[in-house]
Amino acid sequence: MQDDGIDTQTGDRARRKRFGQQLSLIAGGAALVWLGLALGLGLGLGAGLVGAGLVLGVEQGARRHYGLRLDAGWLVVSAIAVLAGGLMMAKVSVPVGALILVGLGLAVAASALSRRGG
């Protein structure tokens, strides 16, 4: 008896979705842990933002590697975090709070636009 693959595809889709969710939670947790360590060890907010941004960017790379959908919003957040942190570490005078708010707004918009059909 030959399997038509319907249940297998549905099960695979559910496993991939669950894996994507776990990957996002691990990356988010790692970013927060790094940010806390950077602040606690006196490395500064700049180093914390750079590290957290890199963690979030690597997560998107891992999603691509495993064939999962990228989230453009989190790509924007990671880029803004690395940029803001780098500027802080270079002691460039920039309104970091404003930069982060603009980045979050762009991330929300990019995330909404990157979704396919809801």
Protein backbone atom coordinates (compact mmCIF):
# COMPACT_ATOMS: atom_id res chain seq x y z
CA MET A 1 0.00 0.00 0.00
CA GLN A 2 1.45 3.35 -1.06
CA ASP A 3 1.25 6.38 1.20
CA ASP A 4 -0.10 9.50 -0.54
CA GLY A 5 2.13 11.74 1.63
CA ILE A 6 -0.62 14.01 2.96
CA ASP A 7 -0.12 13.15 6.62
CA THR A 8 3.64 13.12 6.21
CA GLN A 9 3.64 16.62 4.71
CA THR A 10 1.33 17.96 7.41
CA GLY A 11 3.47 16.42 10.13
CA ASP A 12 6.64 17.75 8.53
CA ARG A 13 5.14 21.23 8.29
CA ALA A 14 4.21 21.14 11.99
CA ARG A 15 7.70 19.94 12.97
CA ARG A 16 9.34 22.68 10.91
CA LYS A 17 7.09 25.32 12.46
CA ARG A 18 7.88 24.04 15.96
CA PHE A 19 11.62 23.99 15.15
CA GLY A 20 11.41 27.59 13.87
CA GLN A 21 9.67 28.67 17.07
CA GLN A 22 12.28 26.92 19.21
CA LEU A 23 15.09 28.50 17.21
CA SER A 24 13.57 31.96 17.73
CA LEU A 25 13.16 31.40 21.46
CA ILE A 26 16.74 30.15 21.82
CA ALA A 27 18.09 33.16 19.90
CA GLY A 28 15.96 35.61 21.87
CA GLY A 29 17.07 34.06 25.14
CA ALA A 30 20.72 34.08 24.07
CA ALA A 31 20.47 37.74 23.04
CA LEU A 32 19.01 38.68 26.43
CA VAL A 33 21.63 36.64 28.28
CA TRP A 34 24.41 38.34 26.32
CA LEU A 35 22.92 41.79 26.90
CA GLY A 36 22.68 41.07 30.64
CA LEU A 37 26.23 39.72 30.80
CA ALA A 38 27.62 42.70 28.88
CA LEU A 39 25.92 45.13 31.25
CA GLY A 40 26.77 43.09 34.36
CA LEU A 41 30.43 42.75 33.41
CA GLY A 42 30.72 46.45 32.67
CA LEU A 43 31.27 46.04 28.94
CA GLY A 44 28.61 48.65 28.28
CA LEU A 45 25.35 48.89 26.41
CA GLY A 46 27.15 49.29 23.08
CA ALA A 47 28.83 45.89 23.36
CA GLY A 48 25.57 44.40 24.57
CA LEU A 49 23.66 45.71 21.57
CA VAL A 50 26.32 44.57 19.09
CA GLY A 51 26.34 41.06 20.56
CA ALA A 52 22.56 40.81 20.76
CA GLY A 53 22.24 42.07 17.19
CA LEU A 54 24.74 39.49 15.99
CA VAL A 55 22.89 36.69 17.79
CA LEU A 56 19.60 37.74 16.16
CA GLY A 57 21.28 38.00 12.76
CA VAL A 58 22.84 34.55 13.12
CA GLU A 59 19.39 33.19 13.94
CA GLN A 60 18.10 34.48 10.60
CA GLY A 61 21.07 32.84 8.88
CA ALA A 62 20.26 29.57 10.63
CA ARG A 63 16.64 29.87 9.54
CA ARG A 64 17.80 30.24 5.95
CA HIS A 65 20.22 27.33 6.31
CA TYR A 66 17.41 25.06 7.51
CA GLY A 67 15.00 26.26 4.82
CA LEU A 68 12.76 28.19 7.22
CA ARG A 69 11.13 31.51 6.40
CA LEU A 70 13.24 34.54 7.24
CA ASP A 71 11.67 37.34 9.26
CA ALA A 72 12.61 40.66 7.69
CA GLY A 73 11.58 42.45 10.88
CA TRP A 74 14.17 40.65 12.97
CA LEU A 75 16.79 41.29 10.29
CA VAL A 76 16.08 45.00 10.68
CA VAL A 77 16.22 44.76 14.48
CA SER A 78 19.55 42.93 14.35
CA ALA A 79 21.04 45.48 11.93
CA ILE A 80 19.83 48.42 14.02
CA ALA A 81 21.21 46.84 17.22
CA VAL A 82 24.63 46.26 15.65
CA LEU A 83 24.67 49.77 14.17
CA ALA A 84 23.53 51.49 17.37
CA GLY A 85 25.91 49.44 19.52
CA GLY A 86 28.82 50.08 17.19
CA LEU A 87 28.15 53.81 17.20
CA MET A 88 27.98 53.79 21.00
CA MET A 89 31.26 51.89 21.25
CA ALA A 90 32.87 54.37 18.83
CA LYS A 91 31.56 57.18 21.04
CA VAL A 92 29.68 58.76 18.15
CA SER A 93 27.01 61.08 19.41
CA VAL A 94 23.74 59.64 18.15
CA PRO A 95 20.27 59.57 19.69
CA VAL A 96 20.27 55.80 20.30
CA GLY A 97 16.75 55.78 21.72
CA ALA A 98 15.38 57.44 18.60
CA LEU A 99 17.38 55.07 16.38
CA ILE A 100 16.00 52.06 18.22
CA LEU A 101 12.42 53.34 17.98
CA VAL A 102 12.78 53.96 14.24
CA GLY A 103 14.30 50.51 13.87
CA LEU A 104 11.48 48.86 15.79
CA GLY A 105 8.93 50.64 13.63
CA LEU A 106 10.70 49.50 10.47
CA ALA A 107 10.93 45.98 11.88
CA VAL A 108 7.20 45.79 12.54
CA ALA A 109 6.44 47.05 9.04
CA ALA A 110 8.99 44.75 7.39
CA SER A 111 7.72 41.76 9.35
CA ALA A 112 4.13 42.45 8.30
CA LEU A 113 5.13 42.91 4.67
CA SER A 114 7.23 39.73 4.61
CA ARG A 115 4.33 37.50 5.64
CA ARG A 116 2.73 35.62 2.79
CA GLY A 117 -1.03 35.58 2.74
CA GLY A 118 -1.42 35.82 6.54
